[in-house]
């Protein structure tokens, strides 16, 4: 089964936030970006949202961040990935 995944990254990060999260996160933190924390401040995810609603909330937060990104630091990564049905 395929699912669309959306992530926020910086333009200078050579790692993929979807497929190489650990390496991506280390680069992000070493450069002081704290992108995950920034995204969570904007997104406000909760336990009451369905997975689909949470994905829409995250993408809306990413789009909001990008709309105020006048330094062109960030970019959105979006693609379909195969997920297991367990």
Protein backbone atom coordinates (compact mmCIF):
# COMPACT_ATOMS: atom_id res chain seq x y z
CA UNK A 1 0.00 0.00 0.00
CA UNK A 2 1.30 3.46 -0.86
CA UNK A 3 0.95 6.57 1.24
CA UNK A 4 1.94 10.17 0.56
CA UNK A 5 4.55 11.44 2.99
CA UNK A 6 5.50 15.10 3.43
CA UNK A 7 8.57 16.44 5.21
CA UNK A 8 10.33 19.74 5.77
CA UNK A 9 14.07 20.08 5.22
CA UNK A 10 16.68 22.75 4.69
CA UNK A 11 18.12 23.37 1.24
CA UNK A 12 21.65 22.58 2.40
CA UNK A 13 20.90 19.25 4.07
CA UNK A 14 22.26 16.47 1.83
CA UNK A 15 20.18 13.76 3.54
CA UNK A 16 16.61 12.73 2.79
CA UNK A 17 14.31 13.40 5.77
CA UNK A 18 12.08 10.48 4.76
CA UNK A 19 14.58 7.73 3.89
CA UNK A 20 17.64 8.86 5.87
CA UNK A 21 16.01 10.39 8.94
CA UNK A 22 18.82 9.72 11.46
CA UNK A 23 21.52 11.24 9.24
CA UNK A 24 19.19 14.06 8.23
CA UNK A 25 18.39 14.84 11.88
CA UNK A 26 22.05 14.83 12.94
CA UNK A 27 22.94 17.29 10.15
CA UNK A 28 19.95 19.46 11.07
CA UNK A 29 20.85 19.60 14.76
CA UNK A 30 24.58 20.10 14.13
CA UNK A 31 23.72 23.18 12.08
CA UNK A 32 21.34 24.53 14.74
CA UNK A 33 18.20 24.43 12.60
CA UNK A 34 16.01 22.33 14.92
CA UNK A 35 13.58 21.82 12.03
CA UNK A 36 11.52 19.14 13.81
CA UNK A 37 10.97 21.36 16.81
CA UNK A 38 10.07 24.33 14.61
CA UNK A 39 7.56 22.23 12.67
CA UNK A 40 5.94 20.98 15.89
CA UNK A 41 5.50 24.56 17.12
CA UNK A 42 3.49 25.35 14.01
CA UNK A 43 1.66 22.03 13.46
CA UNK A 44 0.24 21.33 16.95
CA UNK A 45 -0.42 17.61 16.38
CA UNK A 46 -2.81 15.90 18.81
CA UNK A 47 -3.80 12.35 19.66
CA UNK A 48 -7.39 12.95 18.56
CA UNK A 49 -6.55 13.41 14.86
CA UNK A 50 -6.73 10.52 12.46
CA UNK A 51 -3.57 9.66 10.55
CA UNK A 52 -4.95 11.35 7.42
CA UNK A 53 -5.87 14.48 9.40
CA UNK A 54 -2.44 14.55 11.00
CA UNK A 55 -0.76 14.34 7.58
CA UNK A 56 -2.91 17.25 6.34
CA UNK A 57 -2.04 19.25 9.47
CA UNK A 58 1.68 18.62 8.96
CA UNK A 59 1.53 19.65 5.31
CA UNK A 60 -0.43 22.79 6.18
CA UNK A 61 2.22 23.68 8.79
CA UNK A 62 5.01 23.08 6.27
CA UNK A 63 3.22 25.29 3.74
CA UNK A 64 2.86 28.01 6.40
CA UNK A 65 6.57 27.84 7.23
CA UNK A 66 7.44 28.07 3.54
CA UNK A 67 5.17 31.08 3.08
CA UNK A 68 7.28 33.01 5.63
CA UNK A 69 10.65 31.61 4.52
CA UNK A 70 12.08 34.80 3.04
CA UNK A 71 15.66 33.47 3.35
CA UNK A 72 14.76 30.44 1.23
CA UNK A 73 16.17 28.10 3.90
CA UNK A 74 13.50 25.38 3.72
CA UNK A 75 11.90 23.14 1.13
CA UNK A 76 9.11 20.58 1.15
CA UNK A 77 9.77 16.95 0.29
CA UNK A 78 6.67 15.06 -0.80
CA UNK A 79 6.33 11.62 -2.31
CA UNK A 80 4.54 8.32 -2.12
CA UNK A 81 6.19 5.55 -0.15
CA UNK A 82 5.33 1.89 0.27
CA UNK A 83 4.06 1.06 3.75
CA UNK A 84 3.40 -2.35 5.25
CA UNK A 85 -0.11 -3.27 6.32
CA UNK A 86 0.33 -4.80 9.78
